[in-house]
PDB file of N, CA and C in Angstrom:
ATOM      1  N   UNK A   1     -30.698   5.242   9.008  1.00  0.00           N
ATOM      2  CA  UNK A   1     -30.207   6.691   9.090  1.00  0.00           C
ATOM      3  C   UNK A   1     -29.646   7.157   7.857  1.00  0.00           C
ATOM      4  N   UNK A   2     -30.611   8.203   7.255  1.00  0.00           N
ATOM      5  CA  UNK A   2     -30.241   8.712   6.030  1.00  0.00           C
ATOM      6  C   UNK A   2     -29.551  10.052   5.958  1.00  0.00           C
ATOM      7  N   UNK A   3     -28.299  10.220   5.521  1.00  0.00           N
ATOM      8  CA  UNK A   3     -27.758  11.450   5.561  1.00  0.00           C
ATOM      9  C   UNK A   3     -27.737  11.924   4.033  1.00  0.00           C
ATOM     10  N   UNK A   4     -28.205  13.130   3.863  1.00  0.00           N
ATOM     11  CA  UNK A   4     -28.220  13.741   2.503  1.00  0.00           C
ATOM     12  C   UNK A   4     -26.948  14.523   2.157  1.00  0.00           C
ATOM     13  N   UNK A   5     -26.194  13.959   1.248  1.00  0.00           N
ATOM     14  CA  UNK A   5     -24.973  14.568   0.843  1.00  0.00           C
ATOM     15  C   UNK A   5     -24.942  14.821  -0.834  1.00  0.00           C
ATOM     16  N   UNK A   6     -24.768  16.137  -1.120  1.00  0.00           N
ATOM     17  CA  UNK A   6     -24.540  16.337  -2.464  1.00  0.00           C
ATOM     18  C   UNK A   6     -23.548  15.579  -3.191  1.00  0.00           C
ATOM     19  N   UNK A   7     -23.649  15.082  -4.222  1.00  0.00           N
ATOM     20  CA  UNK A   7     -22.763  14.212  -4.990  1.00  0.00           C
ATOM     21  C   UNK A   7     -21.410  14.965  -5.042  1.00  0.00           C
ATOM     22  N   UNK A   8     -21.499  16.132  -5.467  1.00  0.00           N
ATOM     23  CA  UNK A   8     -20.309  16.949  -5.958  1.00  0.00           C
ATOM     24  C   UNK A   8     -19.272  17.091  -4.551  1.00  0.00           C
ATOM     25  N   UNK A   9     -20.026  17.413  -3.386  1.00  0.00           N
ATOM     26  CA  UNK A   9     -19.028  17.543  -2.215  1.00  0.00           C
ATOM     27  C   UNK A   9     -18.627  16.183  -1.914  1.00  0.00           C
ATOM     28  N   UNK A  10     -19.358  15.062  -2.093  1.00  0.00           N
ATOM     29  CA  UNK A  10     -19.031  13.936  -1.712  1.00  0.00           C
ATOM     30  C   UNK A  10     -17.739  13.572  -2.470  1.00  0.00           C
ATOM     31  N   UNK A  11     -17.800  13.746  -3.884  1.00  0.00           N
ATOM     32  CA  UNK A  11     -16.739  13.487  -4.718  1.00  0.00           C
ATOM     33  C   UNK A  11     -15.611  14.242  -4.386  1.00  0.00           C
ATOM     34  N   UNK A  12     -15.679  15.616  -4.071  1.00  0.00           N
ATOM     35  CA  UNK A  12     -14.471  16.342  -3.490  1.00  0.00           C
ATOM     36  C   UNK A  12     -13.820  15.744  -2.372  1.00  0.00           C
ATOM     37  N   UNK A  13     -14.676  15.429  -1.219  1.00  0.00           N
ATOM     38  CA  UNK A  13     -14.094  14.799  -0.149  1.00  0.00           C
ATOM     39  C   UNK A  13     -13.445  13.458  -0.192  1.00  0.00           C
ATOM     40  N   UNK A  14     -14.149  12.746  -1.115  1.00  0.00           N
ATOM     41  CA  UNK A  14     -13.333  11.415  -1.378  1.00  0.00           C
ATOM     42  C   UNK A  14     -12.034  11.564  -1.980  1.00  0.00           C
ATOM     43  N   UNK A  15     -11.926  12.509  -2.838  1.00  0.00           N
ATOM     44  CA  UNK A  15     -10.776  12.614  -3.607  1.00  0.00           C
ATOM     45  C   UNK A  15      -9.646  13.242  -2.755  1.00  0.00           C
ATOM     46  N   UNK A  16      -9.999  14.033  -1.845  1.00  0.00           N
ATOM     47  CA  UNK A  16      -9.217  14.534  -0.860  1.00  0.00           C
ATOM     48  C   UNK A  16      -8.693  13.333   0.075  1.00  0.00           C
ATOM     49  N   UNK A  17      -9.674  12.532   0.435  1.00  0.00           N
ATOM     50  CA  UNK A  17      -9.248  11.452   1.186  1.00  0.00           C
ATOM     51  C   UNK A  17      -8.407  10.460   0.638  1.00  0.00           C
ATOM     52  N   UNK A  18      -8.662  10.153  -0.775  1.00  0.00           N
ATOM     53  CA  UNK A  18      -7.797   9.305  -1.432  1.00  0.00           C
ATOM     54  C   UNK A  18      -6.336  10.116  -1.610  1.00  0.00           C
ATOM     55  N   UNK A  19      -6.317  11.202  -1.800  1.00  0.00           N
ATOM     56  CA  UNK A  19      -4.888  11.798  -1.856  1.00  0.00           C
ATOM     57  C   UNK A  19      -4.282  11.653  -0.539  1.00  0.00           C
ATOM     58  N   UNK A  20      -5.013  11.922   0.554  1.00  0.00           N
ATOM     59  CA  UNK A  20      -4.335  11.630   1.739  1.00  0.00           C
ATOM     60  C   UNK A  20      -3.847  10.238   2.054  1.00  0.00           C
ATOM     61  N   UNK A  21      -4.643   9.342   1.606  1.00  0.00           N
ATOM     62  CA  UNK A  21      -4.361   7.750   1.757  1.00  0.00           C
ATOM     63  C   UNK A  21      -2.973   7.531   0.970  1.00  0.00           C
ATOM     64  N   UNK A  22      -2.975   8.204  -0.370  1.00  0.00           N
ATOM     65  CA  UNK A  22      -1.964   7.946  -1.229  1.00  0.00           C
ATOM     66  C   UNK A  22      -0.674   8.264  -0.512  1.00  0.00           C
ATOM     67  N   UNK A  23      -0.687   9.728   0.140  1.00  0.00           N
ATOM     68  CA  UNK A  23       0.501  10.173   0.682  1.00  0.00           C
ATOM     69  C   UNK A  23       1.087   9.382   1.853  1.00  0.00           C
ATOM     70  N   UNK A  24       0.151   8.920   2.606  1.00  0.00           N
ATOM     71  CA  UNK A  24       0.420   7.970   3.756  1.00  0.00           C
ATOM     72  C   UNK A  24       1.098   6.716   3.333  1.00  0.00           C
ATOM     73  N   UNK A  25       0.488   5.971   2.378  1.00  0.00           N
ATOM     74  CA  UNK A  25       1.088   4.796   1.694  1.00  0.00           C
ATOM     75  C   UNK A  25       2.415   5.089   1.368  1.00  0.00           C
ATOM     76  N   UNK A  26       2.604   6.132   0.611  1.00  0.00           N
ATOM     77  CA  UNK A  26       3.918   6.323   0.014  1.00  0.00           C
ATOM     78  C   UNK A  26       4.924   6.695   1.177  1.00  0.00           C
ATOM     79  N   UNK A  27       4.446   7.321   2.058  1.00  0.00           N
ATOM     80  CA  UNK A  27       5.441   7.579   3.184  1.00  0.00           C
ATOM     81  C   UNK A  27       5.582   6.228   4.041  1.00  0.00           C
ATOM     82  N   UNK A  28       4.725   5.436   4.215  1.00  0.00           N
ATOM     83  CA  UNK A  28       5.103   4.074   4.755  1.00  0.00           C
ATOM     84  C   UNK A  28       5.882   3.219   3.874  1.00  0.00           C
ATOM     85  N   UNK A  29       5.821   3.262   2.581  1.00  0.00           N
ATOM     86  CA  UNK A  29       6.612   2.448   1.694  1.00  0.00           C
ATOM     87  C   UNK A  29       8.021   3.071   1.885  1.00  0.00           C
ATOM     88  N   UNK A  30       8.236   4.293   1.941  1.00  0.00           N
ATOM     89  CA  UNK A  30       9.565   5.060   1.870  1.00  0.00           C
ATOM     90  C   UNK A  30      10.269   4.612   3.286  1.00  0.00           C
ATOM     91  N   UNK A  31       9.388   4.494   4.483  1.00  0.00           N
ATOM     92  CA  UNK A  31       9.962   4.120   5.678  1.00  0.00           C
ATOM     93  C   UNK A  31      10.196   2.530   5.621  1.00  0.00           C
ATOM     94  N   UNK A  32       9.470   1.846   5.032  1.00  0.00           N
ATOM     95  CA  UNK A  32       9.757   0.505   4.988  1.00  0.00           C
ATOM     96  C   UNK A  32      11.005   0.151   4.151  1.00  0.00           C
ATOM     97  N   UNK A  33      11.334   0.945   2.989  1.00  0.00           N
ATOM     98  CA  UNK A  33      12.401   0.692   2.311  1.00  0.00           C
ATOM     99  C   UNK A  33      13.591   1.191   2.976  1.00  0.00           C
ATOM    100  N   UNK A  34      13.593   2.280   3.929  1.00  0.00           N
ATOM    101  CA  UNK A  34      14.755   2.688   4.601  1.00  0.00           C
ATOM    102  C   UNK A  34      14.949   1.562   5.651  1.00  0.00           C
ATOM    103  N   UNK A  35      14.051   1.063   6.296  1.00  0.00           N
ATOM    104  CA  UNK A  35      14.117  -0.150   7.250  1.00  0.00           C
ATOM    105  C   UNK A  35      14.930  -1.197   6.706  1.00  0.00           C
ATOM    106  N   UNK A  36      14.257  -1.675   5.468  1.00  0.00           N
ATOM    107  CA  UNK A  36      14.973  -2.729   4.735  1.00  0.00           C
ATOM    108  C   UNK A  36      16.501  -2.429   4.490  1.00  0.00           C
ATOM    109  N   UNK A  37      16.813  -1.366   4.097  1.00  0.00           N
ATOM    110  CA  UNK A  37      18.218  -0.823   3.835  1.00  0.00           C
ATOM    111  C   UNK A  37      18.975  -1.135   5.057  1.00  0.00           C
ATOM    112  N   UNK A  38      18.554  -0.419   6.218  1.00  0.00           N
ATOM    113  CA  UNK A  38      19.327  -0.605   7.442  1.00  0.00           C
ATOM    114  C   UNK A  38      19.546  -1.876   7.941  1.00  0.00           C
ATOM    115  N   UNK A  39      18.407  -2.772   7.814  1.00  0.00           N
ATOM    116  CA  UNK A  39      18.561  -4.253   8.232  1.00  0.00           C
ATOM    117  C   UNK A  39      19.512  -4.884   7.326  1.00  0.00           C
ATOM    118  N   UNK A  40      19.615  -4.586   6.053  1.00  0.00           N
ATOM    119  CA  UNK A  40      20.553  -5.314   5.195  1.00  0.00           C
ATOM    120  C   UNK A  40      21.759  -4.944   5.454  1.00  0.00           C
ATOM    121  N   UNK A  41      22.067  -3.668   5.720  1.00  0.00           N
ATOM    122  CA  UNK A  41      23.497  -3.126   6.315  1.00  0.00           C
ATOM    123  C   UNK A  41      23.911  -3.870   7.457  1.00  0.00           C
ATOM    124  N   UNK A  42      22.971  -3.951   8.507  1.00  0.00           N
ATOM    125  CA  UNK A  42      23.362  -4.661   9.794  1.00  0.00           C
ATOM    126  C   UNK A  42      23.767  -6.227   9.477  1.00  0.00           C
ATOM    127  N   UNK A  43      22.896  -6.612   8.773  1.00  0.00           N
ATOM    128  CA  UNK A  43      23.238  -8.232   8.516  1.00  0.00           C
ATOM    129  C   UNK A  43      24.714  -8.306   7.737  1.00  0.00           C
ATOM    130  N   UNK A  44      24.827  -7.400   6.762  1.00  0.00           N
ATOM    131  CA  UNK A  44      26.055  -7.538   5.995  1.00  0.00           C
ATOM    132  C   UNK A  44      27.331  -7.318   7.020  1.00  0.00           C
ATOM    133  N   UNK A  45      27.091  -6.241   7.772  1.00  0.00           N
ATOM    134  CA  UNK A  45      28.228  -6.048   8.955  1.00  0.00           C
ATOM    135  C   UNK A  45      28.585  -7.349   9.664  1.00  0.00           C
ATOM    136  N   UNK A  46      27.368  -8.003   9.986  1.00  0.00           N
ATOM    137  CA  UNK A  46      27.551  -9.261  10.970  1.00  0.00           C
ATOM    138  C   UNK A  46      28.377 -10.385  10.327  1.00  0.00           C
ATOM    139  N   UNK A  47      28.273 -10.386   8.935  1.00  0.00           N
ATOM    140  CA  UNK A  47      28.940 -11.542   8.226  1.00  0.00           C
ATOM    141  C   UNK A  47      30.433 -11.647   8.407  1.00  0.00           C
TER     142      UNK A  47
END
C-alpha cells in the first residue's frame, strides 16, 4: 500500500509530532520528579 505524501508536509507533521512528544516527556519527567520528592518526604517523616 503506497501513500503519496509530499516531503514538505511530512517534515512539518513530523516536527509537530516531535514537539508534542517532547512536551509529553517533559511533563512525565516533571511528574516523576514531584513523585520522587513526595516519596522522599514520606520516607524521611517515617524515620
